[in-house]
Amino acid sequence: MAFTTSFLTKTTFGNQRVHFIRVTADAATGTVDTGFDVVEMFTVANQSSTAATEKYAMNEGPEGTSIVGSIGITGCTSGDEYMLTVYGR
């Protein structure tokens, strides 16, 4: 099942494109499409997390499959909310 995402801001810092994304979990695992061809780096701020056991994978789906330009998240509870700062190209 897909997570619910909303892009808060899309900007650039120097030569880096940056997207700020709010993610709400609809299931225990999911993939976030960042809008980039390749994710170069990202940070996560948990807004509300019941378990705090989440795992994140850059340019991969939650099962470890290669999905370039996305972030895979596992270990969520439905309703958990995250803020992602994603750098990419």
PDB file of N, CA and C in Angstrom:
ATOM      1  N   MET A   1       0.850  -1.177   0.000  1.00  0.00           N
ATOM      2  CA  MET A   1       0.000   0.000   0.000  1.00  0.00           C
ATOM      3  C   MET A   1       0.897   1.241   0.000  1.00  0.00           C
ATOM      4  N   ALA A   2       0.486   2.233  -0.702  1.00  0.00           N
ATOM      5  CA  ALA A   2       1.275   3.463  -0.806  1.00  0.00           C
ATOM      6  C   ALA A   2       1.086   4.337   0.429  1.00  0.00           C
ATOM      7  N   PHE A   3       2.131   5.040   0.782  1.00  0.00           N
ATOM      8  CA  PHE A   3       2.027   6.032   1.842  1.00  0.00           C
ATOM      9  C   PHE A   3       1.413   7.294   1.275  1.00  0.00           C
ATOM     10  N   THR A   4       0.802   8.100   2.132  1.00  0.00           N
ATOM     11  CA  THR A   4       0.286   9.400   1.724  1.00  0.00           C
ATOM     12  C   THR A   4       1.418  10.410   1.851  1.00  0.00           C
ATOM     13  N   THR A   5       1.724  11.111   0.762  1.00  0.00           N
ATOM     14  CA  THR A   5       2.812  12.086   0.780  1.00  0.00           C
ATOM     15  C   THR A   5       2.322  13.435   0.285  1.00  0.00           C
ATOM     16  N   SER A   6       2.957  14.474   0.782  1.00  0.00           N
ATOM     17  CA  SER A   6       2.708  15.820   0.261  1.00  0.00           C
ATOM     18  C   SER A   6       4.032  16.574   0.265  1.00  0.00           C
ATOM     19  N   PHE A   7       4.284  17.277  -0.837  1.00  0.00           N
ATOM     20  CA  PHE A   7       5.503  18.060  -0.962  1.00  0.00           C
ATOM     21  C   PHE A   7       5.258  19.420  -0.318  1.00  0.00           C
ATOM     22  N   LEU A   8       6.020  19.723   0.724  1.00  0.00           N
ATOM     23  CA  LEU A   8       5.877  20.994   1.421  1.00  0.00           C
ATOM     24  C   LEU A   8       6.612  22.101   0.683  1.00  0.00           C
ATOM     25  N   THR A   9       7.829  21.804   0.211  1.00  0.00           N
ATOM     26  CA  THR A   9       8.646  22.782  -0.504  1.00  0.00           C
ATOM     27  C   THR A   9       9.581  22.040  -1.443  1.00  0.00           C
ATOM     28  N   LYS A  10       9.809  22.628  -2.602  1.00  0.00           N
ATOM     29  CA  LYS A  10      10.853  22.170  -3.520  1.00  0.00           C
ATOM     30  C   LYS A  10      11.754  23.366  -3.762  1.00  0.00           C
ATOM     31  N   THR A  11      13.059  23.189  -3.508  1.00  0.00           N
ATOM     32  CA  THR A  11      13.981  24.317  -3.607  1.00  0.00           C
ATOM     33  C   THR A  11      15.361  23.822  -4.019  1.00  0.00           C
ATOM     34  N   THR A  12      16.329  24.723  -4.042  1.00  0.00           N
ATOM     35  CA  THR A  12      17.723  24.366  -4.280  1.00  0.00           C
ATOM     36  C   THR A  12      18.593  25.007  -3.204  1.00  0.00           C
ATOM     37  N   PHE A  13      19.631  24.288  -2.807  1.00  0.00           N
ATOM     38  CA  PHE A  13      20.671  24.808  -1.922  1.00  0.00           C
ATOM     39  C   PHE A  13      21.964  24.707  -2.712  1.00  0.00           C
ATOM     40  N   GLY A  14      22.474  25.825  -3.201  1.00  0.00           N
ATOM     41  CA  GLY A  14      23.666  25.783  -4.039  1.00  0.00           C
ATOM     42  C   GLY A  14      23.375  24.992  -5.292  1.00  0.00           C
ATOM     43  N   ASN A  15      24.101  23.881  -5.510  1.00  0.00           N
ATOM     44  CA  ASN A  15      23.868  23.060  -6.690  1.00  0.00           C
ATOM     45  C   ASN A  15      23.016  21.827  -6.384  1.00  0.00           C
ATOM     46  N   GLN A  16      22.424  21.760  -5.193  1.00  0.00           N
ATOM     47  CA  GLN A  16      21.611  20.614  -4.791  1.00  0.00           C
ATOM     48  C   GLN A  16      20.114  20.923  -4.868  1.00  0.00           C
ATOM     49  N   ARG A  17      19.345  20.043  -5.513  1.00  0.00           N
ATOM     50  CA  ARG A  17      17.889  20.142  -5.465  1.00  0.00           C
ATOM     51  C   ARG A  17      17.420  19.487  -4.171  1.00  0.00           C
ATOM     52  N   VAL A  18      16.448  20.104  -3.512  1.00  0.00           N
ATOM     53  CA  VAL A  18      15.979  19.627  -2.214  1.00  0.00           C
ATOM     54  C   VAL A  18      14.458  19.621  -2.187  1.00  0.00           C
ATOM     55  N   HIS A  19      13.878  18.516  -1.691  1.00  0.00           N
ATOM     56  CA  HIS A  19      12.433  18.421  -1.496  1.00  0.00           C
ATOM     57  C   HIS A  19      12.152  18.145  -0.024  1.00  0.00           C
ATOM     58  N   PHE A  20      11.195  18.886   0.530  1.00  0.00           N
ATOM     59  CA  PHE A  20      10.714  18.638   1.891  1.00  0.00           C
ATOM     60  C   PHE A  20       9.378  17.928   1.750  1.00  0.00           C
ATOM     61  N   ILE A  21       9.281  16.715   2.302  1.00  0.00           N
ATOM     62  CA  ILE A  21       8.113  15.866   2.074  1.00  0.00           C
ATOM     63  C   ILE A  21       7.519  15.424   3.406  1.00  0.00           C
ATOM     64  N   ARG A  22       6.194  15.573   3.538  1.00  0.00           N
ATOM     65  CA  ARG A  22       5.473  15.023   4.695  1.00  0.00           C
ATOM     66  C   ARG A  22       4.924  13.660   4.283  1.00  0.00           C
ATOM     67  N   VAL A  23       5.165  12.646   5.127  1.00  0.00           N
ATOM     68  CA  VAL A  23       4.737  11.279   4.838  1.00  0.00           C
ATOM     69  C   VAL A  23       3.867  10.782   5.978  1.00  0.00           C
ATOM     70  N   THR A  24       2.713  10.223   5.636  1.00  0.00           N
ATOM     71  CA  THR A  24       1.851   9.564   6.617  1.00  0.00           C
ATOM     72  C   THR A  24       1.743   8.100   6.232  1.00  0.00           C
ATOM     73  N   ALA A  25       2.077   7.217   7.168  1.00  0.00           N
ATOM     74  CA  ALA A  25       2.063   5.781   6.898  1.00  0.00           C
ATOM     75  C   ALA A  25       0.630   5.265   6.859  1.00  0.00           C
ATOM     76  N   ASP A  26       0.316   4.477   5.815  1.00  0.00           N
ATOM     77  CA  ASP A  26      -0.973   3.812   5.684  1.00  0.00           C
ATOM     78  C   ASP A  26      -0.857   2.330   5.999  1.00  0.00           C
ATOM     79  N   ALA A  27       0.363   1.848   6.155  1.00  0.00           N
ATOM     80  CA  ALA A  27       0.626   0.432   6.389  1.00  0.00           C
ATOM     81  C   ALA A  27       1.980   0.302   7.075  1.00  0.00           C
ATOM     82  N   ALA A  28       2.407  -0.936   7.315  1.00  0.00           N
ATOM     83  CA  ALA A  28       3.675  -1.181   8.002  1.00  0.00           C
ATOM     84  C   ALA A  28       4.881  -0.909   7.120  1.00  0.00           C
ATOM     85  N   THR A  29       4.724  -1.036   5.796  1.00  0.00           N
ATOM     86  CA  THR A  29       5.814  -0.772   4.866  1.00  0.00           C
ATOM     87  C   THR A  29       5.306   0.049   3.687  1.00  0.00           C
ATOM     88  N   GLY A  30       6.218   0.761   3.063  1.00  0.00           N
ATOM     89  CA  GLY A  30       5.835   1.543   1.890  1.00  0.00           C
ATOM     90  C   GLY A  30       7.037   2.176   1.239  1.00  0.00           C
ATOM     91  N   THR A  31       6.783   2.745   0.063  1.00  0.00           N
ATOM     92  CA  THR A  31       7.820   3.409  -0.709  1.00  0.00           C
ATOM     93  C   THR A  31       7.392   4.838  -0.978  1.00  0.00           C
ATOM     94  N   VAL A  32       8.292   5.786  -0.760  1.00  0.00           N
ATOM     95  CA  VAL A  32       8.025   7.197  -1.000  1.00  0.00           C
ATOM     96  C   VAL A  32       8.706   7.602  -2.304  1.00  0.00           C
ATOM     97  N   ASP A  33       7.910   8.057  -3.263  1.00  0.00           N
ATOM     98  CA  ASP A  33       8.457   8.591  -4.513  1.00  0.00           C
ATOM     99  C   ASP A  33       8.874  10.035  -4.233  1.00  0.00           C
ATOM    100  N   THR A  34      10.169  10.309  -4.334  1.00  0.00           N
ATOM    101  CA  THR A  34      10.693  11.622  -3.966  1.00  0.00           C
ATOM    102  C   THR A  34      10.618  12.648  -5.085  1.00  0.00           C
ATOM    103  N   GLY A  35      10.349  12.197  -6.299  1.00  0.00           N
ATOM    104  CA  GLY A  35      10.347  13.112  -7.431  1.00  0.00           C
ATOM    105  C   GLY A  35      11.719  13.303  -8.056  1.00  0.00           C
ATOM    106  N   PHE A  36      12.715  12.618  -7.530  1.00  0.00           N
ATOM    107  CA  PHE A  36      14.073  12.693  -8.071  1.00  0.00           C
ATOM    108  C   PHE A  36      14.372  11.446  -8.901  1.00  0.00           C
ATOM    109  N   ASP A  37      15.327  11.573  -9.830  1.00  0.00           N
ATOM    110  CA  ASP A  37      15.821  10.401 -10.557  1.00  0.00           C
ATOM    111  C   ASP A  37      16.700   9.558  -9.643  1.00  0.00           C
ATOM    112  N   VAL A  38      17.472  10.236  -8.787  1.00  0.00           N
ATOM    113  CA  VAL A  38      18.362   9.565  -7.838  1.00  0.00           C
ATOM    114  C   VAL A  38      18.334  10.339  -6.525  1.00  0.00           C
ATOM    115  N   VAL A  39      18.188   9.637  -5.405  1.00  0.00           N
ATOM    116  CA  VAL A  39      18.302  10.255  -4.080  1.00  0.00           C
ATOM    117  C   VAL A  39      19.765  10.197  -3.687  1.00  0.00           C
ATOM    118  N   GLU A  40      20.326  11.343  -3.345  1.00  0.00           N
ATOM    119  CA  GLU A  40      21.740  11.402  -2.952  1.00  0.00           C
ATOM    120  C   GLU A  40      21.916  11.361  -1.433  1.00  0.00           C
ATOM    121  N   MET A  41      20.934  11.898  -0.699  1.00  0.00           N
ATOM    122  CA  MET A  41      20.990  11.911   0.761  1.00  0.00           C
ATOM    123  C   MET A  41      19.631  12.317   1.283  1.00  0.00           C
ATOM    124  N   PHE A  42      19.286  11.884   2.492  1.00  0.00           N
ATOM    125  CA  PHE A  42      18.034  12.326   3.100  1.00  0.00           C
ATOM    126  C   PHE A  42      18.141  12.296   4.617  1.00  0.00           C
ATOM    127  N   THR A  43      17.294  13.066   5.264  1.00  0.00           N
ATOM    128  CA  THR A  43      17.169  13.032   6.721  1.00  0.00           C
ATOM    129  C   THR A  43      15.694  12.849   7.061  1.00  0.00           C
ATOM    130  N   VAL A  44      15.433  12.314   8.249  1.00  0.00           N
ATOM    131  CA  VAL A  44      14.067  12.037   8.687  1.00  0.00           C
ATOM    132  C   VAL A  44      13.849  12.672  10.045  1.00  0.00           C
ATOM    133  N   ALA A  45      12.696  13.322  10.208  1.00  0.00           N
ATOM    134  CA  ALA A  45      12.267  13.808  11.514  1.00  0.00           C
ATOM    135  C   ALA A  45      10.921  13.150  11.810  1.00  0.00           C
ATOM    136  N   ASN A  46      10.872  12.321  12.843  1.00  0.00           N
ATOM    137  CA  ASN A  46       9.613  11.679  13.223  1.00  0.00           C
ATOM    138  C   ASN A  46       8.703  12.698  13.887  1.00  0.00           C
ATOM    139  N   GLN A  47       7.521  12.875  13.333  1.00  0.00           N
ATOM    140  CA  GLN A  47       6.548  13.799  13.913  1.00  0.00           C
ATOM    141  C   GLN A  47       5.665  13.074  14.925  1.00  0.00           C
ATOM    142  N   SER A  48       5.217  11.882  14.591  1.00  0.00           N
ATOM    143  CA  SER A  48       4.470  11.038  15.524  1.00  0.00           C
ATOM    144  C   SER A  48       4.736   9.602  15.129  1.00  0.00           C
ATOM    145  N   SER A  49       5.362   8.879  16.017  1.00  0.00           N
ATOM    146  CA  SER A  49       5.745   7.500  15.740  1.00  0.00           C
ATOM    147  C   SER A  49       5.462   6.667  16.979  1.00  0.00           C
ATOM    148  N   THR A  50       4.665   5.622  16.809  1.00  0.00           N
ATOM    149  CA  THR A  50       4.280   4.826  17.975  1.00  0.00           C
ATOM    150  C   THR A  50       5.335   3.806  18.372  1.00  0.00           C
ATOM    151  N   ALA A  51       6.077   3.270  17.414  1.00  0.00           N
ATOM    152  CA  ALA A  51       7.019   2.200  17.727  1.00  0.00           C
ATOM    153  C   ALA A  51       8.474   2.640  17.728  1.00  0.00           C
ATOM    154  N   ALA A  52       8.827   3.624  16.930  1.00  0.00           N
ATOM    155  CA  ALA A  52      10.211   4.100  16.778  1.00  0.00           C
ATOM    156  C   ALA A  52      11.151   2.973  16.358  1.00  0.00           C
ATOM    157  N   THR A  53      10.643   2.047  15.533  1.00  0.00           N
ATOM    158  CA  THR A  53      11.456   0.942  15.027  1.00  0.00           C
ATOM    159  C   THR A  53      11.593   1.003  13.510  1.00  0.00           C
ATOM    160  N   GLU A  54      11.370   2.168  12.940  1.00  0.00           N
ATOM    161  CA  GLU A  54      11.398   2.305  11.489  1.00  0.00           C
ATOM    162  C   GLU A  54      12.804   2.117  10.938  1.00  0.00           C
ATOM    163  N   LYS A  55      12.854   1.588   9.721  1.00  0.00           N
ATOM    164  CA  LYS A  55      14.105   1.465   8.979  1.00  0.00           C
ATOM    165  C   LYS A  55      13.881   2.115   7.631  1.00  0.00           C
ATOM    166  N   TYR A  56      14.914   2.778   7.129  1.00  0.00           N
ATOM    167  CA  TYR A  56      14.823   3.546   5.890  1.00  0.00           C
ATOM    168  C   TYR A  56      15.874   3.053   4.914  1.00  0.00           C
ATOM    169  N   ALA A  57      15.521   3.021   3.617  1.00  0.00           N
ATOM    170  CA  ALA A  57      16.450   2.584   2.584  1.00  0.00           C
ATOM    171  C   ALA A  57      16.426   3.588   1.436  1.00  0.00           C
ATOM    172  N   MET A  58      17.586   4.116   1.083  1.00  0.00           N
ATOM    173  CA  MET A  58      17.711   5.110   0.018  1.00  0.00           C
ATOM    174  C   MET A  58      17.830   4.400  -1.330  1.00  0.00           C
ATOM    175  N   ASN A  59      17.028   4.850  -2.316  1.00  0.00           N
ATOM    176  CA  ASN A  59      17.006   4.267  -3.664  1.00  0.00           C
ATOM    177  C   ASN A  59      16.636   2.794  -3.655  1.00  0.00           C
ATOM    178  N   GLU A  60      15.806   2.408  -2.690  1.00  0.00           N
ATOM    179  CA  GLU A  60      15.323   1.030  -2.573  1.00  0.00           C
ATOM    180  C   GLU A  60      13.896   1.027  -2.075  1.00  0.00           C
ATOM    181  N   GLY A  61      13.200  -0.065  -2.378  1.00  0.00           N
ATOM    182  CA  GLY A  61      11.901  -0.295  -1.778  1.00  0.00           C
ATOM    183  C   GLY A  61      12.084  -0.943  -0.423  1.00  0.00           C
ATOM    184  N   PRO A  62      11.014  -1.128   0.334  1.00  0.00           N
ATOM    185  CA  PRO A  62      11.144  -1.705   1.673  1.00  0.00           C
ATOM    186  C   PRO A  62      11.620  -3.160   1.662  1.00  0.00           C
ATOM    187  N   GLU A  63      11.460  -3.854   0.531  1.00  0.00           N
ATOM    188  CA  GLU A  63      11.898  -5.253   0.436  1.00  0.00           C
ATOM    189  C   GLU A  63      13.342  -5.379  -0.029  1.00  0.00           C
ATOM    190  N   GLY A  64      14.023  -4.245  -0.238  1.00  0.00           N
ATOM    191  CA  GLY A  64      15.407  -4.262  -0.683  1.00  0.00           C
ATOM    192  C   GLY A  64      15.571  -4.241  -2.191  1.00  0.00           C
ATOM    193  N   THR A  65      14.464  -4.151  -2.925  1.00  0.00           N
ATOM    194  CA  THR A  65      14.547  -4.071  -4.381  1.00  0.00           C
ATOM    195  C   THR A  65      14.973  -2.666  -4.787  1.00  0.00           C
ATOM    196  N   SER A  66      15.695  -2.568  -5.875  1.00  0.00           N
ATOM    197  CA  SER A  66      16.177  -1.274  -6.345  1.00  0.00           C
ATOM    198  C   SER A  66      15.032  -0.473  -6.958  1.00  0.00           C
ATOM    199  N   ILE A  67      14.732   0.670  -6.359  1.00  0.00           N
ATOM    200  CA  ILE A  67      13.757   1.616  -6.897  1.00  0.00           C
ATOM    201  C   ILE A  67      14.422   2.986  -6.803  1.00  0.00           C
ATOM    202  N   VAL A  68      15.197   3.307  -7.831  1.00  0.00           N
ATOM    203  CA  VAL A  68      15.995   4.526  -7.832  1.00  0.00           C
ATOM    204  C   VAL A  68      15.067   5.747  -7.757  1.00  0.00           C
ATOM    205  N   GLY A  69      15.430   6.704  -6.913  1.00  0.00           N
ATOM    206  CA  GLY A  69      14.637   7.919  -6.744  1.00  0.00           C
ATOM    207  C   GLY A  69      13.588   7.813  -5.660  1.00  0.00           C
ATOM    208  N   SER A  70      13.643   6.757  -4.878  1.00  0.00           N
ATOM    209  CA  SER A  70      12.642   6.585  -3.824  1.00  0.00           C
ATOM    210  C   SER A  70      13.298   6.241  -2.490  1.00  0.00           C
ATOM    211  N   ILE A  71      12.473   6.263  -1.453  1.00  0.00           N
ATOM    212  CA  ILE A  71      12.917   5.876  -0.115  1.00  0.00           C
ATOM    213  C   ILE A  71      11.954   4.817   0.397  1.00  0.00           C
ATOM    214  N   GLY A  72      12.485   3.661   0.768  1.00  0.00           N
ATOM    215  CA  GLY A  72      11.682   2.586   1.341  1.00  0.00           C
ATOM    216  C   GLY A  72      11.659   2.706   2.850  1.00  0.00           C
ATOM    217  N   ILE A  73      10.480   2.511   3.445  1.00  0.00           N
ATOM    218  CA  ILE A  73      10.338   2.612   4.900  1.00  0.00           C
ATOM    219  C   ILE A  73       9.622   1.361   5.407  1.00  0.00           C
ATOM    220  N   THR A  74      10.158   0.747   6.464  1.00  0.00           N
ATOM    221  CA  THR A  74       9.525  -0.407   7.101  1.00  0.00           C
ATOM    222  C   THR A  74       9.425  -0.171   8.604  1.00  0.00           C
ATOM    223  N   GLY A  75       8.604  -0.969   9.261  1.00  0.00           N
ATOM    224  CA  GLY A  75       8.463  -0.902  10.711  1.00  0.00           C
ATOM    225  C   GLY A  75       7.520   0.185  11.189  1.00  0.00           C
ATOM    226  N   CYS A  76       6.612   0.636  10.336  1.00  0.00           N
ATOM    227  CA  CYS A  76       5.686   1.721  10.689  1.00  0.00           C
ATOM    228  C   CYS A  76       4.383   1.176  11.266  1.00  0.00           C
ATOM    229  N   THR A  77       3.646   2.069  11.869  1.00  0.00           N
ATOM    230  CA  THR A  77       2.271   1.818  12.277  1.00  0.00           C
ATOM    231  C   THR A  77       1.400   2.791  11.496  1.00  0.00           C
ATOM    232  N   SER A  78       0.264   2.316  11.024  1.00  0.00           N
ATOM    233  CA  SER A  78      -0.631   3.189  10.266  1.00  0.00           C
ATOM    234  C   SER A  78      -0.935   4.456  11.066  1.00  0.00           C
ATOM    235  N   GLY A  79      -0.748   5.597  10.428  1.00  0.00           N
ATOM    236  CA  GLY A  79      -0.963   6.886  11.081  1.00  0.00           C
ATOM    237  C   GLY A  79       0.313   7.578  11.517  1.00  0.00           C
ATOM    238  N   ASP A  80       1.447   6.858  11.520  1.00  0.00           N
ATOM    239  CA  ASP A  80       2.724   7.499  11.849  1.00  0.00           C
ATOM    240  C   ASP A  80       3.022   8.591  10.824  1.00  0.00           C
ATOM    241  N   GLU A  81       3.668   9.662  11.269  1.00  0.00           N
ATOM    242  CA  GLU A  81       3.959  10.780  10.377  1.00  0.00           C
ATOM    243  C   GLU A  81       5.432  11.143  10.446  1.00  0.00           C
ATOM    244  N   TYR A  82       6.018  11.388   9.274  1.00  0.00           N
ATOM    245  CA  TYR A  82       7.439  11.702   9.150  1.00  0.00           C
ATOM    246  C   TYR A  82       7.626  12.919   8.263  1.00  0.00           C
ATOM    247  N   MET A  83       8.695  13.647   8.493  1.00  0.00           N
ATOM    248  CA  MET A  83       9.098  14.752   7.634  1.00  0.00           C
ATOM    249  C   MET A  83      10.443  14.365   7.033  1.00  0.00           C
ATOM    250  N   LEU A  84      10.516  14.319   5.700  1.00  0.00           N
ATOM    251  CA  LEU A  84      11.744  13.969   5.005  1.00  0.00           C
ATOM    252  C   LEU A  84      12.344  15.199   4.345  1.00  0.00           C
ATOM    253  N   THR A  85      13.656  15.363   4.479  1.00  0.00           N
ATOM    254  CA  THR A  85      14.407  16.340   3.721  1.00  0.00           C
ATOM    255  C   THR A  85      15.268  15.523   2.781  1.00  0.00           C
ATOM    256  N   VAL A  86      14.994  15.642   1.472  1.00  0.00           N
ATOM    257  CA  VAL A  86      15.626  14.775   0.490  1.00  0.00           C
ATOM    258  C   VAL A  86      16.454  15.591  -0.491  1.00  0.00           C
ATOM    259  N   TYR A  87      17.714  15.206  -0.675  1.00  0.00           N
ATOM    260  CA  TYR A  87      18.598  15.838  -1.649  1.00  0.00           C
ATOM    261  C   TYR A  87      18.753  14.867  -2.810  1.00  0.00           C
ATOM    262  N   GLY A  88      18.622  15.383  -4.018  1.00  0.00           N
ATOM    263  CA  GLY A  88      18.723  14.499  -5.168  1.00  0.00           C
ATOM    264  C   GLY A  88      18.974  15.220  -6.461  1.00  0.00           C
ATOM    265  N   ARG A  89      18.918  14.420  -7.537  1.00  0.00           N
ATOM    266  CA  ARG A  89      19.100  14.958  -8.879  1.00  0.00           C
ATOM    267  C   ARG A  89      18.193  14.239  -9.851  1.00  0.00           C
TER     268      ARG A  89
END
